[in-house]
Amino acid sequence: MKKLLYIPILLTFILIIACGQNSAEKKLNGKWYETENEKISWEFYPDSLVFIDEDNANVEWKATESKIEFTYQTFIWDSLGKQVDTEDNILIDYKLSKNQDTLLGTLTNSYGKHKFGLIRIKE
């Protein structure tokens, strides 16, 4: 009977671990601003990534030691001039500085590849 109690406890523990962040994601947590446009800031949280600009957005994200991935809701204009909602898959190949205060790399989206950089905001 006691062995049956261990199974739910073990499953709960595995679920908690699986829902947590990996070490690469933990390094990115915090507030950053873009090097090309300091008016746009990125706020990495364990459960979301928030963009602070004229249209604030909130997305789910995941990262490894060299890549950040997320899907961004946006819109395009169709051939009739109507606005159509769409999703843009974003991939950022990056490197963090030794101090982990600068992120430089390449952002790839539906418009192509772009040089990209973030600087951590000290609080």
C-alpha atoms as a PDB file:
ATOM      1  CA  MET A   1       0.000   0.000   0.000  1.00  0.00           C
ATOM      2  CA  LYS A   2       2.825   2.424   0.815  1.00  0.00           C
ATOM      3  CA  LYS A   3       4.365   1.798  -2.584  1.00  0.00           C
ATOM      4  CA  LEU A   4       1.193   3.106  -4.232  1.00  0.00           C
ATOM      5  CA  LEU A   5       1.638   6.437  -2.409  1.00  0.00           C
ATOM      6  CA  TYR A   6       5.090   6.915  -3.907  1.00  0.00           C
ATOM      7  CA  ILE A   7       3.789   6.919  -7.484  1.00  0.00           C
ATOM      8  CA  PRO A   8       1.678  10.128  -7.196  1.00  0.00           C
ATOM      9  CA  ILE A   9       4.475  11.852  -5.285  1.00  0.00           C
ATOM     10  CA  LEU A  10       7.017  10.860  -7.939  1.00  0.00           C
ATOM     11  CA  LEU A  11       4.728  11.986 -10.770  1.00  0.00           C
ATOM     12  CA  THR A  12       4.142  15.348  -9.064  1.00  0.00           C
ATOM     13  CA  PHE A  13       7.889  15.840  -8.638  1.00  0.00           C
ATOM     14  CA  ILE A  14       8.548  15.012 -12.309  1.00  0.00           C
ATOM     15  CA  LEU A  15       5.827  17.447 -13.396  1.00  0.00           C
ATOM     16  CA  ILE A  16       7.324  20.256 -11.307  1.00  0.00           C
ATOM     17  CA  ILE A  17      10.794  19.623 -12.748  1.00  0.00           C
ATOM     18  CA  ALA A  18       9.489  19.399 -16.327  1.00  0.00           C
ATOM     19  CA  CYS A  19       7.657  22.727 -16.039  1.00  0.00           C
ATOM     20  CA  GLY A  20      10.718  24.572 -14.751  1.00  0.00           C
ATOM     21  CA  GLN A  21      13.214  26.555 -16.752  1.00  0.00           C
ATOM     22  CA  ASN A  22      16.482  25.192 -18.064  1.00  0.00           C
ATOM     23  CA  SER A  23      19.769  26.917 -17.178  1.00  0.00           C
ATOM     24  CA  ALA A  24      19.901  28.858 -20.479  1.00  0.00           C
ATOM     25  CA  GLU A  25      16.448  30.317 -19.872  1.00  0.00           C
ATOM     26  CA  LYS A  26      17.330  31.274 -16.300  1.00  0.00           C
ATOM     27  CA  LYS A  27      20.325  33.274 -17.592  1.00  0.00           C
ATOM     28  CA  LEU A  28      17.996  35.336 -19.792  1.00  0.00           C
ATOM     29  CA  ASN A  29      15.418  36.190 -17.113  1.00  0.00           C
ATOM     30  CA  GLY A  30      15.152  39.905 -16.484  1.00  0.00           C
ATOM     31  CA  LYS A  31      14.732  43.153 -18.400  1.00  0.00           C
ATOM     32  CA  TRP A  32      16.661  43.971 -21.578  1.00  0.00           C
ATOM     33  CA  TYR A  33      16.498  46.666 -24.226  1.00  0.00           C
ATOM     34  CA  GLU A  34      17.299  46.434 -27.927  1.00  0.00           C
ATOM     35  CA  THR A  35      20.606  47.865 -29.090  1.00  0.00           C
ATOM     36  CA  GLU A  36      19.019  49.223 -32.285  1.00  0.00           C
ATOM     37  CA  ASN A  37      16.017  50.784 -30.564  1.00  0.00           C
ATOM     38  CA  GLU A  38      16.308  51.545 -26.849  1.00  0.00           C
ATOM     39  CA  LYS A  39      12.573  52.342 -26.707  1.00  0.00           C
ATOM     40  CA  ILE A  40      11.798  48.633 -27.069  1.00  0.00           C
ATOM     41  CA  SER A  41      12.441  46.480 -24.035  1.00  0.00           C
ATOM     42  CA  TRP A  42      12.183  42.741 -23.582  1.00  0.00           C
ATOM     43  CA  GLU A  43      11.247  41.231 -20.234  1.00  0.00           C
ATOM     44  CA  PHE A  44      12.038  37.528 -19.902  1.00  0.00           C
ATOM     45  CA  TYR A  45      10.004  35.747 -17.231  1.00  0.00           C
ATOM     46  CA  PRO A  46       9.823  32.017 -16.459  1.00  0.00           C
ATOM     47  CA  ASP A  47       6.365  31.774 -18.029  1.00  0.00           C
ATOM     48  CA  SER A  48       6.449  34.495 -20.698  1.00  0.00           C
ATOM     49  CA  LEU A  49       8.375  37.048 -22.705  1.00  0.00           C
ATOM     50  CA  VAL A  50       6.910  40.562 -22.686  1.00  0.00           C
ATOM     51  CA  PHE A  51       7.751  43.213 -25.285  1.00  0.00           C
ATOM     52  CA  ILE A  52       7.324  46.795 -24.131  1.00  0.00           C
ATOM     53  CA  ASP A  53       6.785  49.132 -27.104  1.00  0.00           C
ATOM     54  CA  GLU A  54       3.784  50.954 -28.575  1.00  0.00           C
ATOM     55  CA  ASP A  55       1.925  47.621 -28.765  1.00  0.00           C
ATOM     56  CA  ASN A  56       2.844  45.499 -25.756  1.00  0.00           C
ATOM     57  CA  ALA A  57       2.929  41.778 -26.519  1.00  0.00           C
ATOM     58  CA  ASN A  58       3.247  38.697 -24.363  1.00  0.00           C
ATOM     59  CA  VAL A  59       4.479  35.354 -25.777  1.00  0.00           C
ATOM     60  CA  GLU A  60       5.635  31.966 -24.559  1.00  0.00           C
ATOM     61  CA  TRP A  61       9.327  31.333 -25.230  1.00  0.00           C
ATOM     62  CA  LYS A  62      12.006  28.687 -24.932  1.00  0.00           C
ATOM     63  CA  ALA A  63      15.778  28.861 -25.147  1.00  0.00           C
ATOM     64  CA  THR A  64      18.975  26.864 -25.291  1.00  0.00           C
ATOM     65  CA  GLU A  65      22.530  28.128 -24.766  1.00  0.00           C
ATOM     66  CA  SER A  66      22.511  29.486 -28.337  1.00  0.00           C
ATOM     67  CA  LYS A  67      18.893  29.870 -29.516  1.00  0.00           C
ATOM     68  CA  ILE A  68      15.719  31.639 -28.436  1.00  0.00           C
ATOM     69  CA  GLU A  69      12.426  30.643 -30.059  1.00  0.00           C
ATOM     70  CA  PHE A  70       8.908  32.022 -29.894  1.00  0.00           C
ATOM     71  CA  THR A  71       5.889  32.773 -32.063  1.00  0.00           C
ATOM     72  CA  TYR A  72       4.833  36.407 -32.411  1.00  0.00           C
ATOM     73  CA  GLN A  73       1.277  37.421 -33.346  1.00  0.00           C
ATOM     74  CA  THR A  74       1.335  40.020 -36.102  1.00  0.00           C
ATOM     75  CA  PHE A  75      -0.631  41.022 -39.174  1.00  0.00           C
ATOM     76  CA  ILE A  76      -0.090  41.404 -42.886  1.00  0.00           C
ATOM     77  CA  TRP A  77      -2.064  43.140 -45.610  1.00  0.00           C
ATOM     78  CA  ASP A  78      -3.613  40.824 -48.179  1.00  0.00           C
ATOM     79  CA  SER A  79      -3.981  41.604 -51.892  1.00  0.00           C
ATOM     80  CA  LEU A  80      -7.327  43.295 -51.215  1.00  0.00           C
ATOM     81  CA  GLY A  81      -5.809  45.649 -48.656  1.00  0.00           C
ATOM     82  CA  LYS A  82      -7.386  43.859 -45.698  1.00  0.00           C
ATOM     83  CA  GLN A  83      -5.483  43.257 -42.488  1.00  0.00           C
ATOM     84  CA  VAL A  84      -4.946  39.532 -41.826  1.00  0.00           C
ATOM     85  CA  ASP A  85      -3.768  38.196 -38.470  1.00  0.00           C
ATOM     86  CA  THR A  86      -0.833  35.810 -38.731  1.00  0.00           C
ATOM     87  CA  GLU A  87       1.929  34.247 -36.670  1.00  0.00           C
ATOM     88  CA  ASP A  88       5.617  34.921 -37.201  1.00  0.00           C
ATOM     89  CA  ASN A  89       8.004  32.234 -35.952  1.00  0.00           C
ATOM     90  CA  ILE A  90      11.059  33.942 -34.470  1.00  0.00           C
ATOM     91  CA  LEU A  91      14.445  32.260 -34.064  1.00  0.00           C
ATOM     92  CA  ILE A  92      17.356  34.119 -32.493  1.00  0.00           C
ATOM     93  CA  ASP A  93      20.822  32.578 -32.756  1.00  0.00           C
ATOM     94  CA  TYR A  94      22.799  34.325 -30.030  1.00  0.00           C
ATOM     95  CA  LYS A  95      25.805  34.505 -27.755  1.00  0.00           C
ATOM     96  CA  LEU A  96      25.839  35.993 -24.281  1.00  0.00           C
ATOM     97  CA  SER A  97      28.785  38.074 -23.101  1.00  0.00           C
ATOM     98  CA  LYS A  98      30.935  36.779 -20.229  1.00  0.00           C
ATOM     99  CA  ASN A  99      29.133  39.127 -17.838  1.00  0.00           C
ATOM    100  CA  GLN A 100      25.778  37.955 -19.241  1.00  0.00           C
ATOM    101  CA  ASP A 101      24.748  41.574 -19.770  1.00  0.00           C
ATOM    102  CA  THR A 102      24.889  41.663 -23.583  1.00  0.00           C
ATOM    103  CA  LEU A 103      23.238  39.353 -26.090  1.00  0.00           C
ATOM    104  CA  LEU A 104      24.338  39.524 -29.738  1.00  0.00           C
ATOM    105  CA  GLY A 105      23.222  37.417 -32.660  1.00  0.00           C
ATOM    106  CA  THR A 106      20.930  37.006 -35.634  1.00  0.00           C
ATOM    107  CA  LEU A 107      17.144  37.174 -35.568  1.00  0.00           C
ATOM    108  CA  THR A 108      15.336  35.187 -38.259  1.00  0.00           C
ATOM    109  CA  ASN A 109      11.668  35.839 -39.011  1.00  0.00           C
ATOM    110  CA  SER A 110       9.361  35.876 -42.048  1.00  0.00           C
ATOM    111  CA  TYR A 111      11.160  38.985 -43.358  1.00  0.00           C
ATOM    112  CA  GLY A 112      14.621  37.383 -43.335  1.00  0.00           C
ATOM    113  CA  LYS A 113      17.720  37.527 -41.143  1.00  0.00           C
ATOM    114  CA  HIS A 114      18.702  40.581 -39.133  1.00  0.00           C
ATOM    115  CA  LYS A 115      21.565  41.448 -36.802  1.00  0.00           C
ATOM    116  CA  PHE A 116      20.195  41.588 -33.312  1.00  0.00           C
ATOM    117  CA  GLY A 117      21.305  42.696 -29.864  1.00  0.00           C
ATOM    118  CA  LEU A 118      20.016  43.177 -26.348  1.00  0.00           C
ATOM    119  CA  ILE A 119      21.588  44.847 -23.318  1.00  0.00           C
ATOM    120  CA  ARG A 120      20.476  43.898 -19.813  1.00  0.00           C
ATOM    121  CA  ILE A 121      18.832  46.671 -17.805  1.00  0.00           C
ATOM    122  CA  LYS A 122      20.426  46.993 -14.393  1.00  0.00           C
ATOM    123  CA  GLU A 123      17.881  47.325 -11.620  1.00  0.00           C
END
